[in-house]
Amino acid sequence: MIDLQESTRHKIIIILFFIKAKPNWQISMFI
């Protein structure tokens, strides 16, 4: 369960990062 929590945290961090960096939405397409 620890792995799931860590993965969800990483996804949330990545989502927040891309929200702040809207010009780089094309990079989010690769993820």
N, C-alpha and C. Protein backbone atom coordinates (compact mmCIF):
# COMPACT_ATOMS: atom_id res chain seq x y z
N MET A 1 0.84 -1.20 0.00
CA MET A 1 0.00 0.00 0.00
C MET A 1 0.87 1.25 0.00
N ILE A 2 2.07 1.13 0.53
CA ILE A 2 2.96 2.29 0.55
C ILE A 2 3.28 2.72 -0.89
N ASP A 3 3.48 1.72 -1.77
CA ASP A 3 3.79 2.05 -3.17
C ASP A 3 2.64 2.82 -3.81
N LEU A 4 1.41 2.41 -3.52
CA LEU A 4 0.26 3.10 -4.11
C LEU A 4 0.21 4.54 -3.62
N GLN A 5 0.44 4.75 -2.33
CA GLN A 5 0.41 6.11 -1.80
C GLN A 5 1.50 6.96 -2.45
N GLU A 6 2.68 6.40 -2.60
CA GLU A 6 3.78 7.17 -3.21
C GLU A 6 3.45 7.49 -4.66
N SER A 7 2.89 6.52 -5.39
CA SER A 7 2.58 6.75 -6.80
C SER A 7 1.51 7.84 -6.93
N THR A 8 0.51 7.81 -6.05
CA THR A 8 -0.53 8.83 -6.12
C THR A 8 0.06 10.20 -5.81
N ARG A 9 0.98 10.26 -4.85
CA ARG A 9 1.61 11.55 -4.53
C ARG A 9 2.40 12.06 -5.73
N HIS A 10 3.13 11.16 -6.40
CA HIS A 10 3.91 11.58 -7.57
C HIS A 10 2.98 12.09 -8.66
N LYS A 11 1.85 11.42 -8.86
CA LYS A 11 0.91 11.87 -9.90
C LYS A 11 0.37 13.25 -9.55
N ILE A 12 0.02 13.45 -8.28
CA ILE A 12 -0.51 14.76 -7.87
C ILE A 12 0.54 15.84 -8.07
N ILE A 13 1.79 15.54 -7.71
CA ILE A 13 2.87 16.52 -7.88
C ILE A 13 3.06 16.84 -9.36
N ILE A 14 3.02 15.80 -10.21
CA ILE A 14 3.20 16.02 -11.65
C ILE A 14 2.05 16.87 -12.19
N ILE A 15 0.82 16.56 -11.76
CA ILE A 15 -0.34 17.33 -12.23
C ILE A 15 -0.20 18.79 -11.81
N LEU A 16 0.16 19.03 -10.55
CA LEU A 16 0.31 20.42 -10.08
C LEU A 16 1.43 21.11 -10.84
N PHE A 17 2.51 20.36 -11.13
CA PHE A 17 3.64 20.96 -11.85
C PHE A 17 3.20 21.41 -13.24
N PHE A 18 2.41 20.56 -13.93
CA PHE A 18 1.99 20.92 -15.28
C PHE A 18 0.96 22.05 -15.25
N ILE A 19 0.15 22.10 -14.20
CA ILE A 19 -0.82 23.20 -14.09
C ILE A 19 -0.07 24.53 -13.99
N LYS A 20 1.04 24.53 -13.24
CA LYS A 20 1.83 25.76 -13.13
C LYS A 20 2.56 26.05 -14.43
N ALA A 21 2.96 24.99 -15.15
CA ALA A 21 3.70 25.16 -16.41
C ALA A 21 2.77 24.85 -17.58
N LYS A 22 1.76 25.66 -17.77
CA LYS A 22 0.80 25.42 -18.86
C LYS A 22 1.45 25.41 -20.23
N PRO A 23 2.48 26.22 -20.49
CA PRO A 23 3.11 26.22 -21.83
C PRO A 23 3.68 24.85 -22.19
N ASN A 24 3.89 23.98 -21.20
CA ASN A 24 4.50 22.68 -21.48
C ASN A 24 3.46 21.56 -21.49
N TRP A 25 2.21 21.88 -21.89
CA TRP A 25 1.17 20.85 -21.92
C TRP A 25 1.54 19.73 -22.89
N GLN A 26 2.31 20.02 -23.95
CA GLN A 26 2.68 18.99 -24.92
C GLN A 26 3.48 17.89 -24.23
N ILE A 27 4.30 18.23 -23.25
CA ILE A 27 5.09 17.23 -22.54
C ILE A 27 4.16 16.30 -21.77
N SER A 28 3.05 16.84 -21.25
CA SER A 28 2.12 16.01 -20.48
C SER A 28 1.51 14.93 -21.37
N MET A 29 1.44 15.17 -22.69
CA MET A 29 0.87 14.18 -23.60
C MET A 29 1.71 12.91 -23.60
N PHE A 30 3.02 13.04 -23.39
CA PHE A 30 3.90 11.86 -23.43
C PHE A 30 3.74 11.01 -22.17
N ILE A 31 3.33 11.63 -21.07
CA ILE A 31 3.20 10.87 -19.81
C ILE A 31 1.93 10.03 -19.83
